Amino acid sequence: MKPIRFHPDVENDIKGSFSWYEDELEGLGLQFISELEQGFDAISYAPSTWVTFEHGFRRYILARFPFSVVYKEEENEVYIVAVMHNSRNPEYWKERI
């Protein structure tokens, strides 16, 4: 298991999506967070499992929600650069690297 470090903008990614889902249906935002946390755990335990996405980053795709976790496995940690909506411009997170 490797510790996870988050890019500062990941918090905004998550908060915005949580709020949108909660506005749609009470409790849906919490379900989104739960699935996201399960993804973070899976990435932490086995970061090399998911395929390389771009620039050495990997992409973990959530099962229920249209989001991906974009991350890079580093020597002593996992660096999560974005929680990206799959319909969003896939290039936006690159300005974070």
PDB file of N, CA and C in Angstrom:
ATOM      1  N   MET A   1       0.845  -1.180   0.000  1.00  0.00           N
ATOM      2  CA  MET A   1       0.000   0.000   0.000  1.00  0.00           C
ATOM      3  C   MET A   1       0.889   1.240   0.000  1.00  0.00           C
ATOM      4  N   LYS A   2       0.601   2.138  -0.928  1.00  0.00           N
ATOM      5  CA  LYS A   2       1.359   3.389  -1.008  1.00  0.00           C
ATOM      6  C   LYS A   2       0.479   4.546  -0.555  1.00  0.00           C
ATOM      7  N   PRO A   3       1.047   5.511   0.149  1.00  0.00           N
ATOM      8  CA  PRO A   3       0.260   6.692   0.505  1.00  0.00           C
ATOM      9  C   PRO A   3      -0.102   7.482  -0.748  1.00  0.00           C
ATOM     10  N   ILE A   4      -1.173   8.232  -0.639  1.00  0.00           N
ATOM     11  CA  ILE A   4      -1.666   9.036  -1.757  1.00  0.00           C
ATOM     12  C   ILE A   4      -1.432  10.509  -1.465  1.00  0.00           C
ATOM     13  N   ARG A   5      -0.950  11.208  -2.484  1.00  0.00           N
ATOM     14  CA  ARG A   5      -0.805  12.670  -2.435  1.00  0.00           C
ATOM     15  C   ARG A   5      -1.714  13.227  -3.525  1.00  0.00           C
ATOM     16  N   PHE A   6      -2.443  14.274  -3.216  1.00  0.00           N
ATOM     17  CA  PHE A   6      -3.400  14.859  -4.158  1.00  0.00           C
ATOM     18  C   PHE A   6      -2.923  16.221  -4.654  1.00  0.00           C
ATOM     19  N   HIS A   7      -3.114  16.467  -5.935  1.00  0.00           N
ATOM     20  CA  HIS A   7      -2.934  17.818  -6.463  1.00  0.00           C
ATOM     21  C   HIS A   7      -3.970  18.700  -5.756  1.00  0.00           C
ATOM     22  N   PRO A   8      -3.634  19.944  -5.425  1.00  0.00           N
ATOM     23  CA  PRO A   8      -4.577  20.811  -4.701  1.00  0.00           C
ATOM     24  C   PRO A   8      -5.931  20.990  -5.390  1.00  0.00           C
ATOM     25  N   ASP A   9      -5.989  20.926  -6.708  1.00  0.00           N
ATOM     26  CA  ASP A   9      -7.247  21.135  -7.422  1.00  0.00           C
ATOM     27  C   ASP A   9      -8.178  19.924  -7.391  1.00  0.00           C
ATOM     28  N   VAL A  10      -7.683  18.780  -6.930  1.00  0.00           N
ATOM     29  CA  VAL A  10      -8.529  17.588  -6.853  1.00  0.00           C
ATOM     30  C   VAL A  10      -9.694  17.834  -5.886  1.00  0.00           C
ATOM     31  N   GLU A  11      -9.447  18.560  -4.830  1.00  0.00           N
ATOM     32  CA  GLU A  11     -10.518  18.874  -3.883  1.00  0.00           C
ATOM     33  C   GLU A  11     -11.666  19.586  -4.584  1.00  0.00           C
ATOM     34  N   ASN A  12     -11.353  20.534  -5.466  1.00  0.00           N
ATOM     35  CA  ASN A  12     -12.396  21.239  -6.221  1.00  0.00           C
ATOM     36  C   ASN A  12     -13.114  20.307  -7.182  1.00  0.00           C
ATOM     37  N   ASP A  13     -12.363  19.393  -7.816  1.00  0.00           N
ATOM     38  CA  ASP A  13     -12.982  18.401  -8.703  1.00  0.00           C
ATOM     39  C   ASP A  13     -14.062  17.629  -7.943  1.00  0.00           C
ATOM     40  N   ILE A  14     -13.699  17.172  -6.756  1.00  0.00           N
ATOM     41  CA  ILE A  14     -14.590  16.321  -5.971  1.00  0.00           C
ATOM     42  C   ILE A  14     -15.766  17.120  -5.414  1.00  0.00           C
ATOM     43  N   LYS A  15     -15.513  18.286  -4.856  1.00  0.00           N
ATOM     44  CA  LYS A  15     -16.580  19.091  -4.266  1.00  0.00           C
ATOM     45  C   LYS A  15     -17.639  19.473  -5.293  1.00  0.00           C
ATOM     46  N   GLY A  16     -17.190  19.880  -6.469  1.00  0.00           N
ATOM     47  CA  GLY A  16     -18.139  20.278  -7.509  1.00  0.00           C
ATOM     48  C   GLY A  16     -19.023  19.119  -7.942  1.00  0.00           C
ATOM     49  N   SER A  17     -18.429  17.964  -8.111  1.00  0.00           N
ATOM     50  CA  SER A  17     -19.193  16.787  -8.534  1.00  0.00           C
ATOM     51  C   SER A  17     -20.120  16.308  -7.425  1.00  0.00           C
ATOM     52  N   PHE A  18     -19.636  16.300  -6.197  1.00  0.00           N
ATOM     53  CA  PHE A  18     -20.472  15.922  -5.062  1.00  0.00           C
ATOM     54  C   PHE A  18     -21.706  16.820  -5.003  1.00  0.00           C
ATOM     55  N   SER A  19     -21.504  18.124  -5.104  1.00  0.00           N
ATOM     56  CA  SER A  19     -22.620  19.073  -5.023  1.00  0.00           C
ATOM     57  C   SER A  19     -23.620  18.845  -6.142  1.00  0.00           C
ATOM     58  N   TRP A  20     -23.122  18.612  -7.337  1.00  0.00           N
ATOM     59  CA  TRP A  20     -24.015  18.387  -8.479  1.00  0.00           C
ATOM     60  C   TRP A  20     -24.865  17.148  -8.242  1.00  0.00           C
ATOM     61  N   TYR A  21     -24.250  16.045  -7.811  1.00  0.00           N
ATOM     62  CA  TYR A  21     -25.004  14.814  -7.565  1.00  0.00           C
ATOM     63  C   TYR A  21     -25.991  14.984  -6.416  1.00  0.00           C
ATOM     64  N   GLU A  22     -25.612  15.682  -5.364  1.00  0.00           N
ATOM     65  CA  GLU A  22     -26.531  15.906  -4.244  1.00  0.00           C
ATOM     66  C   GLU A  22     -27.722  16.752  -4.680  1.00  0.00           C
ATOM     67  N   ASP A  23     -27.490  17.725  -5.566  1.00  0.00           N
ATOM     68  CA  ASP A  23     -28.591  18.533  -6.078  1.00  0.00           C
ATOM     69  C   ASP A  23     -29.560  17.699  -6.913  1.00  0.00           C
ATOM     70  N   GLU A  24     -29.023  16.706  -7.604  1.00  0.00           N
ATOM     71  CA  GLU A  24     -29.858  15.833  -8.438  1.00  0.00           C
ATOM     72  C   GLU A  24     -30.709  14.896  -7.579  1.00  0.00           C
ATOM     73  N   LEU A  25     -30.098  14.316  -6.551  1.00  0.00           N
ATOM     74  CA  LEU A  25     -30.797  13.360  -5.692  1.00  0.00           C
ATOM     75  C   LEU A  25     -30.064  13.266  -4.361  1.00  0.00           C
ATOM     76  N   GLU A  26     -30.753  13.572  -3.294  1.00  0.00           N
ATOM     77  CA  GLU A  26     -30.126  13.525  -1.981  1.00  0.00           C
ATOM     78  C   GLU A  26     -29.547  12.131  -1.723  1.00  0.00           C
ATOM     79  N   GLY A  27     -28.287  12.102  -1.320  1.00  0.00           N
ATOM     80  CA  GLY A  27     -27.588  10.841  -1.053  1.00  0.00           C
ATOM     81  C   GLY A  27     -26.732  10.367  -2.210  1.00  0.00           C
ATOM     82  N   LEU A  28     -27.017  10.851  -3.417  1.00  0.00           N
ATOM     83  CA  LEU A  28     -26.245  10.417  -4.579  1.00  0.00           C
ATOM     84  C   LEU A  28     -24.811  10.930  -4.506  1.00  0.00           C
ATOM     85  N   GLY A  29     -24.624  12.114  -3.961  1.00  0.00           N
ATOM     86  CA  GLY A  29     -23.272  12.652  -3.780  1.00  0.00           C
ATOM     87  C   GLY A  29     -22.459  11.784  -2.842  1.00  0.00           C
ATOM     88  N   LEU A  30     -23.096  11.294  -1.787  1.00  0.00           N
ATOM     89  CA  LEU A  30     -22.401  10.404  -0.854  1.00  0.00           C
ATOM     90  C   LEU A  30     -22.038   9.082  -1.519  1.00  0.00           C
ATOM     91  N   GLN A  31     -22.899   8.598  -2.403  1.00  0.00           N
ATOM     92  CA  GLN A  31     -22.580   7.381  -3.148  1.00  0.00           C
ATOM     93  C   GLN A  31     -21.386   7.608  -4.070  1.00  0.00           C
ATOM     94  N   PHE A  32     -21.334   8.782  -4.674  1.00  0.00           N
ATOM     95  CA  PHE A  32     -20.190   9.146  -5.510  1.00  0.00           C
ATOM     96  C   PHE A  32     -18.907   9.147  -4.682  1.00  0.00           C
ATOM     97  N   ILE A  33     -18.946   9.777  -3.515  1.00  0.00           N
ATOM     98  CA  ILE A  33     -17.769   9.832  -2.638  1.00  0.00           C
ATOM     99  C   ILE A  33     -17.358   8.425  -2.215  1.00  0.00           C
ATOM    100  N   SER A  34     -18.315   7.588  -1.887  1.00  0.00           N
ATOM    101  CA  SER A  34     -18.014   6.222  -1.469  1.00  0.00           C
ATOM    102  C   SER A  34     -17.297   5.452  -2.579  1.00  0.00           C
ATOM    103  N   GLU A  35     -17.809   5.558  -3.801  1.00  0.00           N
ATOM    104  CA  GLU A  35     -17.150   4.851  -4.908  1.00  0.00           C
ATOM    105  C   GLU A  35     -15.762   5.431  -5.174  1.00  0.00           C
ATOM    106  N   LEU A  36     -15.633   6.722  -5.043  1.00  0.00           N
ATOM    107  CA  LEU A  36     -14.340   7.371  -5.237  1.00  0.00           C
ATOM    108  C   LEU A  36     -13.341   6.893  -4.187  1.00  0.00           C
ATOM    109  N   GLU A  37     -13.760   6.804  -2.934  1.00  0.00           N
ATOM    110  CA  GLU A  37     -12.872   6.325  -1.869  1.00  0.00           C
ATOM    111  C   GLU A  37     -12.452   4.877  -2.100  1.00  0.00           C
ATOM    112  N   GLN A  38     -13.374   4.056  -2.590  1.00  0.00           N
ATOM    113  CA  GLN A  38     -13.028   2.675  -2.932  1.00  0.00           C
ATOM    114  C   GLN A  38     -11.966   2.653  -4.030  1.00  0.00           C
ATOM    115  N   GLY A  39     -12.106   3.566  -4.982  1.00  0.00           N
ATOM    116  CA  GLY A  39     -11.110   3.672  -6.047  1.00  0.00           C
ATOM    117  C   GLY A  39      -9.750   4.099  -5.509  1.00  0.00           C
ATOM    118  N   PHE A  40      -9.741   5.072  -4.609  1.00  0.00           N
ATOM    119  CA  PHE A  40      -8.483   5.502  -4.006  1.00  0.00           C
ATOM    120  C   PHE A  40      -7.807   4.345  -3.272  1.00  0.00           C
ATOM    121  N   ASP A  41      -8.603   3.553  -2.554  1.00  0.00           N
ATOM    122  CA  ASP A  41      -8.053   2.390  -1.852  1.00  0.00           C
ATOM    123  C   ASP A  41      -7.453   1.387  -2.832  1.00  0.00           C
ATOM    124  N   ALA A  42      -8.176   1.098  -3.899  1.00  0.00           N
ATOM    125  CA  ALA A  42      -7.686   0.139  -4.899  1.00  0.00           C
ATOM    126  C   ALA A  42      -6.390   0.629  -5.530  1.00  0.00           C
ATOM    127  N   ILE A  43      -6.349   1.905  -5.854  1.00  0.00           N
ATOM    128  CA  ILE A  43      -5.141   2.488  -6.451  1.00  0.00           C
ATOM    129  C   ILE A  43      -3.979   2.409  -5.465  1.00  0.00           C
ATOM    130  N   SER A  44      -4.234   2.710  -4.218  1.00  0.00           N
ATOM    131  CA  SER A  44      -3.194   2.676  -3.190  1.00  0.00           C
ATOM    132  C   SER A  44      -2.606   1.276  -3.029  1.00  0.00           C
ATOM    133  N   TYR A  45      -3.458   0.268  -3.080  1.00  0.00           N
ATOM    134  CA  TYR A  45      -3.002  -1.112  -2.885  1.00  0.00           C
ATOM    135  C   TYR A  45      -2.313  -1.693  -4.115  1.00  0.00           C
ATOM    136  N   ALA A  46      -2.752  -1.305  -5.297  1.00  0.00           N
ATOM    137  CA  ALA A  46      -2.200  -1.904  -6.524  1.00  0.00           C
ATOM    138  C   ALA A  46      -2.123  -0.865  -7.634  1.00  0.00           C
ATOM    139  N   PRO A  47      -1.273   0.148  -7.485  1.00  0.00           N
ATOM    140  CA  PRO A  47      -1.266   1.266  -8.437  1.00  0.00           C
ATOM    141  C   PRO A  47      -0.872   0.895  -9.864  1.00  0.00           C
ATOM    142  N   SER A  48      -0.132  -0.164 -10.045  1.00  0.00           N
ATOM    143  CA  SER A  48       0.298  -0.516 -11.404  1.00  0.00           C
ATOM    144  C   SER A  48      -0.733  -1.358 -12.153  1.00  0.00           C
ATOM    145  N   THR A  49      -1.880  -1.610 -11.542  1.00  0.00           N
ATOM    146  CA  THR A  49      -2.912  -2.453 -12.148  1.00  0.00           C
ATOM    147  C   THR A  49      -3.549  -1.818 -13.379  1.00  0.00           C
ATOM    148  N   TRP A  50      -3.794  -0.526 -13.346  1.00  0.00           N
ATOM    149  CA  TRP A  50      -4.541   0.124 -14.418  1.00  0.00           C
ATOM    150  C   TRP A  50      -3.609   0.618 -15.509  1.00  0.00           C
ATOM    151  N   VAL A  51      -4.135   0.665 -16.717  1.00  0.00           N
ATOM    152  CA  VAL A  51      -3.314   0.945 -17.893  1.00  0.00           C
ATOM    153  C   VAL A  51      -2.794   2.380 -17.901  1.00  0.00           C
ATOM    154  N   THR A  52      -1.680   2.551 -18.566  1.00  0.00           N
ATOM    155  CA  THR A  52      -1.106   3.876 -18.731  1.00  0.00           C
ATOM    156  C   THR A  52      -2.026   4.699 -19.621  1.00  0.00           C
ATOM    157  N   PHE A  53      -2.264   5.914 -19.199  1.00  0.00           N
ATOM    158  CA  PHE A  53      -3.187   6.820 -19.882  1.00  0.00           C
ATOM    159  C   PHE A  53      -2.406   7.761 -20.793  1.00  0.00           C
ATOM    160  N   GLU A  54      -1.704   8.721 -20.218  1.00  0.00           N
ATOM    161  CA  GLU A  54      -0.877   9.665 -20.975  1.00  0.00           C
ATOM    162  C   GLU A  54       0.240  10.186 -20.079  1.00  0.00           C
ATOM    163  N   HIS A  55       1.363  10.496 -20.673  1.00  0.00           N
ATOM    164  CA  HIS A  55       2.505  11.101 -19.970  1.00  0.00           C
ATOM    165  C   HIS A  55       2.906  10.306 -18.724  1.00  0.00           C
ATOM    166  N   GLY A  56       2.772   8.986 -18.780  1.00  0.00           N
ATOM    167  CA  GLY A  56       3.134   8.154 -17.647  1.00  0.00           C
ATOM    168  C   GLY A  56       2.076   8.085 -16.560  1.00  0.00           C
ATOM    169  N   PHE A  57       0.971   8.775 -16.744  1.00  0.00           N
ATOM    170  CA  PHE A  57      -0.138   8.718 -15.790  1.00  0.00           C
ATOM    171  C   PHE A  57      -1.034   7.536 -16.135  1.00  0.00           C
ATOM    172  N   ARG A  58      -1.735   7.066 -15.138  1.00  0.00           N
ATOM    173  CA  ARG A  58      -2.675   5.969 -15.303  1.00  0.00           C
ATOM    174  C   ARG A  58      -4.083   6.488 -15.049  1.00  0.00           C
ATOM    175  N   ARG A  59      -5.059   5.657 -15.415  1.00  0.00           N
ATOM    176  CA  ARG A  59      -6.451   6.083 -15.312  1.00  0.00           C
ATOM    177  C   ARG A  59      -7.279   4.963 -14.698  1.00  0.00           C
ATOM    178  N   TYR A  60      -7.880   5.264 -13.570  1.00  0.00           N
ATOM    179  CA  TYR A  60      -8.814   4.349 -12.909  1.00  0.00           C
ATOM    180  C   TYR A  60     -10.216   4.859 -13.221  1.00  0.00           C
ATOM    181  N   ILE A  61     -11.044   4.020 -13.835  1.00  0.00           N
ATOM    182  CA  ILE A  61     -12.393   4.422 -14.235  1.00  0.00           C
ATOM    183  C   ILE A  61     -13.399   3.912 -13.203  1.00  0.00           C
ATOM    184  N   LEU A  62     -14.202   4.821 -12.661  1.00  0.00           N
ATOM    185  CA  LEU A  62     -15.238   4.429 -11.721  1.00  0.00           C
ATOM    186  C   LEU A  62     -16.292   3.592 -12.445  1.00  0.00           C
ATOM    187  N   ALA A  63     -16.895   2.667 -11.731  1.00  0.00           N
ATOM    188  CA  ALA A  63     -17.866   1.756 -12.335  1.00  0.00           C
ATOM    189  C   ALA A  63     -19.228   2.406 -12.548  1.00  0.00           C
ATOM    190  N   ARG A  64     -19.702   3.133 -11.556  1.00  0.00           N
ATOM    191  CA  ARG A  64     -21.070   3.647 -11.610  1.00  0.00           C
ATOM    192  C   ARG A  64     -21.169   5.076 -12.124  1.00  0.00           C
ATOM    193  N   PHE A  65     -20.169   5.875 -11.859  1.00  0.00           N
ATOM    194  CA  PHE A  65     -20.198   7.290 -12.216  1.00  0.00           C
ATOM    195  C   PHE A  65     -19.226   7.540 -13.364  1.00  0.00           C
ATOM    196  N   PRO A  66     -19.533   8.495 -14.245  1.00  0.00           N
ATOM    197  CA  PRO A  66     -18.692   8.729 -15.433  1.00  0.00           C
ATOM    198  C   PRO A  66     -17.440   9.554 -15.125  1.00  0.00           C
ATOM    199  N   PHE A  67     -16.609   9.026 -14.237  1.00  0.00           N
ATOM    200  CA  PHE A  67     -15.403   9.718 -13.803  1.00  0.00           C
ATOM    201  C   PHE A  67     -14.209   8.786 -13.844  1.00  0.00           C
ATOM    202  N   SER A  68     -13.039   9.395 -14.002  1.00  0.00           N
ATOM    203  CA  SER A  68     -11.774   8.679 -13.927  1.00  0.00           C
ATOM    204  C   SER A  68     -10.873   9.380 -12.928  1.00  0.00           C
ATOM    205  N   VAL A  69     -10.047   8.593 -12.256  1.00  0.00           N
ATOM    206  CA  VAL A  69      -9.005   9.125 -11.388  1.00  0.00           C
ATOM    207  C   VAL A  69      -7.712   9.042 -12.185  1.00  0.00           C
ATOM    208  N   VAL A  70      -7.093  10.176 -12.429  1.00  0.00           N
ATOM    209  CA  VAL A  70      -5.849  10.236 -13.185  1.00  0.00           C
ATOM    210  C   VAL A  70      -4.709  10.354 -12.174  1.00  0.00           C
ATOM    211  N   TYR A  71      -3.770   9.413 -12.234  1.00  0.00           N
ATOM    212  CA  TYR A  71      -2.728   9.354 -11.215  1.00  0.00           C
ATOM    213  C   TYR A  71      -1.419   8.826 -11.795  1.00  0.00           C
ATOM    214  N   LYS A  72      -0.370   9.019 -11.027  1.00  0.00           N
ATOM    215  CA  LYS A  72       0.952   8.505 -11.389  1.00  0.00           C
ATOM    216  C   LYS A  72       1.528   7.786 -10.184  1.00  0.00           C
ATOM    217  N   GLU A  73       2.034   6.596 -10.417  1.00  0.00           N
ATOM    218  CA  GLU A  73       2.720   5.867  -9.358  1.00  0.00           C
ATOM    219  C   GLU A  73       4.146   6.382  -9.286  1.00  0.00           C
ATOM    220  N   GLU A  74       4.519   6.869  -8.135  1.00  0.00           N
ATOM    221  CA  GLU A  74       5.878   7.326  -7.906  1.00  0.00           C
ATOM    222  C   GLU A  74       6.548   6.341  -6.957  1.00  0.00           C
ATOM    223  N   GLU A  75       7.816   6.524  -6.706  1.00  0.00           N
ATOM    224  CA  GLU A  75       8.577   5.552  -5.929  1.00  0.00           C
ATOM    225  C   GLU A  75       7.960   5.264  -4.562  1.00  0.00           C
ATOM    226  N   ASN A  76       7.590   6.315  -3.842  1.00  0.00           N
ATOM    227  CA  ASN A  76       7.103   6.138  -2.472  1.00  0.00           C
ATOM    228  C   ASN A  76       5.652   6.536  -2.255  1.00  0.00           C
ATOM    229  N   GLU A  77       4.951   6.909  -3.317  1.00  0.00           N
ATOM    230  CA  GLU A  77       3.574   7.368  -3.165  1.00  0.00           C
ATOM    231  C   GLU A  77       2.842   7.293  -4.503  1.00  0.00           C
ATOM    232  N   VAL A  78       1.562   7.563  -4.426  1.00  0.00           N
ATOM    233  CA  VAL A  78       0.725   7.707  -5.619  1.00  0.00           C
ATOM    234  C   VAL A  78       0.304   9.168  -5.664  1.00  0.00           C
ATOM    235  N   TYR A  79       0.481   9.801  -6.822  1.00  0.00           N
ATOM    236  CA  TYR A  79       0.129  11.204  -6.993  1.00  0.00           C
ATOM    237  C   TYR A  79      -1.126  11.283  -7.849  1.00  0.00           C
ATOM    238  N   ILE A  80      -2.230  11.717  -7.262  1.00  0.00           N
ATOM    239  CA  ILE A  80      -3.491  11.874  -7.995  1.00  0.00           C
ATOM    240  C   ILE A  80      -3.577  13.309  -8.474  1.00  0.00           C
ATOM    241  N   VAL A  81      -3.666  13.459  -9.788  1.00  0.00           N
ATOM    242  CA  VAL A  81      -3.647  14.784 -10.383  1.00  0.00           C
ATOM    243  C   VAL A  81      -5.054  15.292 -10.721  1.00  0.00           C
ATOM    244  N   ALA A  82      -6.033  14.379 -10.892  1.00  0.00           N
ATOM    245  CA  ALA A  82      -7.382  14.820 -11.249  1.00  0.00           C
ATOM    246  C   ALA A  82      -8.407  13.731 -10.975  1.00  0.00           C
ATOM    247  N   VAL A  83      -9.608  14.179 -10.641  1.00  0.00           N
ATOM    248  CA  VAL A  83     -10.797  13.337 -10.680  1.00  0.00           C
ATOM    249  C   VAL A  83     -11.617  13.944 -11.812  1.00  0.00           C
ATOM    250  N   MET A  84     -11.554  13.292 -12.956  1.00  0.00           N
ATOM    251  CA  MET A  84     -11.987  13.876 -14.228  1.00  0.00           C
ATOM    252  C   MET A  84     -13.305  13.277 -14.704  1.00  0.00           C
ATOM    253  N   HIS A  85     -14.254  14.137 -15.044  1.00  0.00           N
ATOM    254  CA  HIS A  85     -15.483  13.670 -15.683  1.00  0.00           C
ATOM    255  C   HIS A  85     -15.101  13.165 -17.070  1.00  0.00           C
ATOM    256  N   ASN A  86     -15.606  12.009 -17.434  1.00  0.00           N
ATOM    257  CA  ASN A  86     -15.192  11.386 -18.692  1.00  0.00           C
ATOM    258  C   ASN A  86     -15.671  12.124 -19.937  1.00  0.00           C
ATOM    259  N   SER A  87     -16.628  13.036 -19.787  1.00  0.00           N
ATOM    260  CA  SER A  87     -17.081  13.833 -20.932  1.00  0.00           C
ATOM    261  C   SER A  87     -16.386  15.187 -21.008  1.00  0.00           C
ATOM    262  N   ARG A  88     -15.614  15.504 -19.991  1.00  0.00           N
ATOM    263  CA  ARG A  88     -14.914  16.792 -19.961  1.00  0.00           C
ATOM    264  C   ARG A  88     -13.722  16.742 -20.903  1.00  0.00           C
ATOM    265  N   ASN A  89     -13.249  17.895 -21.297  1.00  0.00           N
ATOM    266  CA  ASN A  89     -12.054  17.978 -22.130  1.00  0.00           C
ATOM    267  C   ASN A  89     -10.932  17.167 -21.473  1.00  0.00           C
ATOM    268  N   PRO A  90     -10.483  16.106 -22.107  1.00  0.00           N
ATOM    269  CA  PRO A  90      -9.485  15.242 -21.482  1.00  0.00           C
ATOM    270  C   PRO A  90      -8.103  15.885 -21.351  1.00  0.00           C
ATOM    271  N   GLU A  91      -7.932  17.056 -21.870  1.00  0.00           N
ATOM    272  CA  GLU A  91      -6.635  17.729 -21.823  1.00  0.00           C
ATOM    273  C   GLU A  91      -6.476  18.651 -20.612  1.00  0.00           C
ATOM    274  N   TYR A  92      -7.570  18.984 -19.921  1.00  0.00           N
ATOM    275  CA  TYR A  92      -7.512  20.040 -18.912  1.00  0.00           C
ATOM    276  C   TYR A  92      -6.549  19.726 -17.768  1.00  0.00           C
ATOM    277  N   TRP A  93      -6.438  18.476 -17.383  1.00  0.00           N
ATOM    278  CA  TRP A  93      -5.609  18.109 -16.230  1.00  0.00           C
ATOM    279  C   TRP A  93      -4.114  18.234 -16.523  1.00  0.00           C
ATOM    280  N   LYS A  94      -3.747  18.285 -17.786  1.00  0.00           N
ATOM    281  CA  LYS A  94      -2.320  18.351 -18.140  1.00  0.00           C
ATOM    282  C   LYS A  94      -1.649  19.639 -17.663  1.00  0.00           C
ATOM    283  N   GLU A  95      -2.430  20.691 -17.475  1.00  0.00           N
ATOM    284  CA  GLU A  95      -1.845  21.931 -16.956  1.00  0.00           C
ATOM    285  C   GLU A  95      -1.457  21.788 -15.490  1.00  0.00           C
ATOM    286  N   ARG A  96      -1.850  20.694 -14.864  1.00  0.00           N
ATOM    287  CA  ARG A  96      -1.513  20.433 -13.453  1.00  0.00           C
ATOM    288  C   ARG A  96      -0.190  19.695 -13.289  1.00  0.00           C
ATOM    289  N   ILE A  97       0.367  19.213 -14.377  1.00  0.00           N
ATOM    290  CA  ILE A  97       1.621  18.445 -14.232  1.00  0.00           C
ATOM    291  C   ILE A  97       2.829  19.327 -14.484  1.00  0.00           C
TER     292      ILE A  97
END
